[in-house]
């Protein structure tokens, strides 16, 4: 994994998910780009993501999630 990669919550569903862009692999610091599970605000930064709970994904999968759920951000 490298800075700029996108991760998603492993236990999310087709309609509820959290997507985060990693901005520092060393500290697992990320920016929330979508979250309707925990309710994190888009643009918030957090530190300490555990990869046990997240998996790497793609921007295409993120875009498809938004399109499938008719979400406009």
C-alpha atoms as a PDB file:
ATOM      1  CA  UNK A   1       0.000   0.000   0.000  1.00  0.00           C
ATOM      2  CA  UNK A   2       1.176   3.522  -0.757  1.00  0.00           C
ATOM      3  CA  UNK A   3       0.087   7.084  -0.143  1.00  0.00           C
ATOM      4  CA  UNK A   4      -2.910   7.954  -2.319  1.00  0.00           C
ATOM      5  CA  UNK A   5      -4.369   4.438  -2.248  1.00  0.00           C
ATOM      6  CA  UNK A   6      -8.004   4.024  -1.281  1.00  0.00           C
ATOM      7  CA  UNK A   7      -9.294   1.598   1.331  1.00  0.00           C
ATOM      8  CA  UNK A   8     -12.802   0.513   2.308  1.00  0.00           C
ATOM      9  CA  UNK A   9     -14.309  -1.025   5.415  1.00  0.00           C
ATOM     10  CA  UNK A  10     -14.218  -4.842   5.115  1.00  0.00           C
ATOM     11  CA  UNK A  11     -17.570  -5.286   6.795  1.00  0.00           C
ATOM     12  CA  UNK A  12     -19.470  -2.698   4.774  1.00  0.00           C
ATOM     13  CA  UNK A  13     -22.288  -3.639   2.442  1.00  0.00           C
ATOM     14  CA  UNK A  14     -23.511  -2.672  -1.019  1.00  0.00           C
ATOM     15  CA  UNK A  15     -25.385   0.281   0.528  1.00  0.00           C
ATOM     16  CA  UNK A  16     -23.345   1.138   3.645  1.00  0.00           C
ATOM     17  CA  UNK A  17     -19.644   1.743   3.331  1.00  0.00           C
ATOM     18  CA  UNK A  18     -16.685   3.873   4.359  1.00  0.00           C
ATOM     19  CA  UNK A  19     -13.983   4.873   1.867  1.00  0.00           C
ATOM     20  CA  UNK A  20     -10.698   6.496   2.924  1.00  0.00           C
ATOM     21  CA  UNK A  21      -7.702   7.816   0.979  1.00  0.00           C
ATOM     22  CA  UNK A  22      -4.384   7.058   2.678  1.00  0.00           C
ATOM     23  CA  UNK A  23      -2.206  10.146   2.995  1.00  0.00           C
ATOM     24  CA  UNK A  24       0.521   8.608   5.172  1.00  0.00           C
ATOM     25  CA  UNK A  25       1.260   4.896   5.209  1.00  0.00           C
ATOM     26  CA  UNK A  26       3.693   5.350   8.107  1.00  0.00           C
ATOM     27  CA  UNK A  27       0.975   6.586  10.498  1.00  0.00           C
ATOM     28  CA  UNK A  28      -2.019   5.120   8.609  1.00  0.00           C
ATOM     29  CA  UNK A  29      -3.361   8.646   8.309  1.00  0.00           C
ATOM     30  CA  UNK A  30      -6.306   9.002   5.968  1.00  0.00           C
ATOM     31  CA  UNK A  31      -8.948  11.354   4.627  1.00  0.00           C
ATOM     32  CA  UNK A  32     -12.552  10.172   4.667  1.00  0.00           C
ATOM     33  CA  UNK A  33     -14.066  10.500   1.198  1.00  0.00           C
ATOM     34  CA  UNK A  34     -17.354   8.751   2.048  1.00  0.00           C
ATOM     35  CA  UNK A  35     -18.823   7.303   5.238  1.00  0.00           C
ATOM     36  CA  UNK A  36     -22.400   6.304   5.915  1.00  0.00           C
ATOM     37  CA  UNK A  37     -21.460   3.697   8.542  1.00  0.00           C
ATOM     38  CA  UNK A  38     -19.858   5.669  11.375  1.00  0.00           C
ATOM     39  CA  UNK A  39     -20.954   9.077  10.135  1.00  0.00           C
ATOM     40  CA  UNK A  40     -17.521  10.603   9.644  1.00  0.00           C
ATOM     41  CA  UNK A  41     -17.553  13.886   7.764  1.00  0.00           C
ATOM     42  CA  UNK A  42     -16.122  13.918   4.257  1.00  0.00           C
ATOM     43  CA  UNK A  43     -12.726  15.600   4.407  1.00  0.00           C
ATOM     44  CA  UNK A  44     -11.990  14.668   8.026  1.00  0.00           C
ATOM     45  CA  UNK A  45      -8.540  13.245   8.623  1.00  0.00           C
ATOM     46  CA  UNK A  46      -7.874  10.470  11.085  1.00  0.00           C
ATOM     47  CA  UNK A  47      -4.845   8.491  12.197  1.00  0.00           C
ATOM     48  CA  UNK A  48      -4.406   4.837  13.038  1.00  0.00           C
ATOM     49  CA  UNK A  49      -6.472   2.857  10.564  1.00  0.00           C
ATOM     50  CA  UNK A  50      -6.118  -0.856  11.216  1.00  0.00           C
ATOM     51  CA  UNK A  51      -5.779  -2.835   8.027  1.00  0.00           C
ATOM     52  CA  UNK A  52      -7.450  -5.710   9.857  1.00  0.00           C
ATOM     53  CA  UNK A  53     -10.742  -3.808   9.380  1.00  0.00           C
ATOM     54  CA  UNK A  54     -10.043  -2.354   5.916  1.00  0.00           C
ATOM     55  CA  UNK A  55      -9.067  -3.607   2.488  1.00  0.00           C
ATOM     56  CA  UNK A  56      -7.565  -1.882  -0.507  1.00  0.00           C
ATOM     57  CA  UNK A  57     -10.012  -0.931  -3.243  1.00  0.00           C
ATOM     58  CA  UNK A  58     -10.058   1.272  -6.341  1.00  0.00           C
ATOM     59  CA  UNK A  59     -11.460   4.640  -7.291  1.00  0.00           C
ATOM     60  CA  UNK A  60     -13.575   2.847  -9.901  1.00  0.00           C
ATOM     61  CA  UNK A  61     -15.193   0.707  -7.189  1.00  0.00           C
ATOM     62  CA  UNK A  62     -15.803   3.872  -5.142  1.00  0.00           C
ATOM     63  CA  UNK A  63     -17.405   5.596  -8.147  1.00  0.00           C
ATOM     64  CA  UNK A  64     -19.558   2.538  -8.856  1.00  0.00           C
ATOM     65  CA  UNK A  65     -20.704   2.499  -5.215  1.00  0.00           C
ATOM     66  CA  UNK A  66     -21.802   6.135  -5.480  1.00  0.00           C
ATOM     67  CA  UNK A  67     -23.552   5.531  -8.802  1.00  0.00           C
ATOM     68  CA  UNK A  68     -25.319   2.341  -7.632  1.00  0.00           C
ATOM     69  CA  UNK A  69     -26.642   4.125  -4.529  1.00  0.00           C
ATOM     70  CA  UNK A  70     -27.542   7.401  -6.314  1.00  0.00           C
ATOM     71  CA  UNK A  71     -25.245   9.384  -4.034  1.00  0.00           C
ATOM     72  CA  UNK A  72     -24.228  12.887  -5.055  1.00  0.00           C
ATOM     73  CA  UNK A  73     -21.252  14.358  -3.216  1.00  0.00           C
END
